[in-house]
Amino acid sequence: MTTPGRTPAPYASGGGGANLADILERVLDKGVVIAGDIRINLLDIELLTIKLRLVVASVERAEEMGIDWWRHDPALSSSARRDSLASENEELRRRLAELEERTA
């Protein structure tokens, strides 16, 4: 509690307080999951459902948890882009071969 005319002390004052870097290191090391659902109903009719899921963790910790979607997203990974283009190219070659067989 503060007295009138006096400014409150910062949260981490008084020694032994954690600074932002320590807190961020702990969060990334352990990971944090935030989950929630938002539902909008009108007269017992569900109009909208929004499911929110947020995971904050280091890359290494996320991989330990089995999360590695960024490796397979062509927008984020050059190897995924190459794999995507290679599979698309293979599919197009297969379809072209089928069409050539039908016309021959």
Protein backbone atom coordinates (compact mmCIF):
# COMPACT_ATOMS: atom_id res chain seq x y z
CA MET A 1 0.00 0.00 0.00
CA THR A 2 1.29 3.48 -0.81
CA THR A 3 0.97 6.66 1.14
CA PRO A 4 -0.58 9.72 -0.55
CA GLY A 5 1.93 11.66 -2.62
CA ARG A 6 4.37 8.74 -2.79
CA THR A 7 5.11 6.71 -5.92
CA PRO A 8 4.87 2.90 -5.57
CA ALA A 9 8.12 0.97 -5.80
CA PRO A 10 8.85 -1.06 -8.94
CA TYR A 11 7.89 -4.74 -8.85
CA ALA A 12 11.43 -6.09 -8.95
CA SER A 13 12.88 -3.79 -6.33
CA GLY A 14 14.14 -4.91 -2.95
CA GLY A 15 16.65 -7.48 -4.21
CA GLY A 16 15.99 -11.04 -5.23
CA GLY A 17 13.41 -10.08 -7.85
CA ALA A 18 13.49 -11.77 -11.22
CA ASN A 19 14.20 -9.63 -14.23
CA LEU A 20 12.51 -10.01 -17.62
CA ALA A 21 15.38 -12.05 -19.09
CA ASP A 22 15.14 -14.61 -16.27
CA ILE A 23 11.39 -14.92 -16.65
CA LEU A 24 11.65 -15.28 -20.44
CA GLU A 25 14.36 -17.94 -20.05
CA ARG A 26 12.16 -19.94 -17.67
CA VAL A 27 9.10 -19.65 -19.92
CA LEU A 28 11.03 -20.75 -23.01
CA ASP A 29 12.72 -23.59 -21.11
CA LYS A 30 9.55 -25.01 -19.56
CA GLY A 31 6.95 -23.80 -22.04
CA VAL A 32 3.56 -22.25 -21.42
CA VAL A 33 0.22 -23.37 -22.86
CA ILE A 34 -2.77 -21.06 -22.92
CA ALA A 35 -6.08 -22.51 -24.10
CA GLY A 36 -9.56 -21.09 -24.24
CA ASP A 37 -12.83 -21.23 -26.13
CA ILE A 38 -15.18 -18.41 -26.99
CA ARG A 39 -18.77 -19.31 -27.85
CA ILE A 40 -21.47 -16.93 -28.98
CA ASN A 41 -25.03 -18.25 -28.68
CA LEU A 42 -28.34 -16.64 -29.50
CA LEU A 43 -31.45 -18.37 -28.10
CA ASP A 44 -29.52 -21.63 -27.58
CA ILE A 45 -28.27 -21.56 -31.20
CA GLU A 46 -24.51 -21.56 -31.49
CA LEU A 47 -23.52 -18.77 -33.87
CA LEU A 48 -19.76 -18.75 -33.47
CA THR A 49 -17.09 -20.81 -31.75
CA ILE A 50 -13.48 -19.67 -31.56
CA LYS A 51 -10.89 -22.05 -30.13
CA LEU A 52 -7.69 -20.38 -29.01
CA ARG A 53 -4.52 -22.34 -28.37
CA LEU A 54 -1.20 -20.67 -27.70
CA VAL A 55 2.08 -22.42 -26.94
CA VAL A 56 5.12 -20.37 -25.97
CA ALA A 57 8.33 -22.40 -25.86
CA SER A 58 11.81 -22.57 -27.32
CA VAL A 59 12.30 -24.45 -30.57
CA GLU A 60 14.08 -27.26 -28.75
CA ARG A 61 11.31 -27.58 -26.15
CA ALA A 62 8.62 -27.49 -28.84
CA GLU A 63 10.35 -30.30 -30.74
CA GLU A 64 10.51 -32.34 -27.52
CA MET A 65 6.74 -31.90 -27.27
CA GLY A 66 6.33 -33.11 -30.86
CA ILE A 67 5.57 -29.70 -32.36
CA ASP A 68 7.47 -29.02 -35.57
CA TRP A 69 4.96 -27.58 -38.01
CA TRP A 70 7.36 -24.83 -39.11
CA ARG A 71 9.58 -27.49 -40.72
CA HIS A 72 6.77 -28.47 -43.11
CA ASP A 73 5.31 -25.03 -43.85
CA PRO A 74 6.52 -23.82 -47.27
CA ALA A 75 6.13 -20.19 -46.17
CA LEU A 76 8.63 -20.71 -43.32
CA SER A 77 11.03 -23.40 -44.51
CA SER A 78 13.08 -23.47 -47.71
CA SER A 79 13.36 -27.28 -47.53
CA ALA A 80 9.57 -27.55 -47.21
CA ARG A 81 9.27 -25.26 -50.25
CA ARG A 82 11.58 -27.56 -52.23
CA ASP A 83 9.69 -30.65 -51.06
CA SER A 84 6.38 -29.03 -51.97
CA LEU A 85 7.60 -28.08 -55.43
CA ALA A 86 9.12 -31.53 -55.98
CA SER A 87 5.88 -33.31 -55.05
CA GLU A 88 3.84 -30.94 -57.22
CA ASN A 89 6.26 -31.52 -60.10
CA GLU A 90 5.99 -35.29 -59.66
CA GLU A 91 2.18 -35.11 -59.62
CA LEU A 92 2.15 -33.02 -62.80
CA ARG A 93 4.52 -35.47 -64.54
CA ARG A 94 2.28 -38.38 -63.54
CA ARG A 95 -0.83 -36.64 -64.86
CA LEU A 96 0.95 -35.71 -68.10
CA ALA A 97 2.02 -39.33 -68.58
CA GLU A 98 -1.60 -40.46 -68.08
CA LEU A 99 -2.84 -37.97 -70.67
CA GLU A 100 -0.18 -39.04 -73.16
CA GLU A 101 -1.17 -42.69 -72.69
CA ARG A 102 -4.84 -41.88 -73.33
CA THR A 103 -4.11 -40.00 -76.55
CA ALA A 104 -1.66 -42.57 -77.88
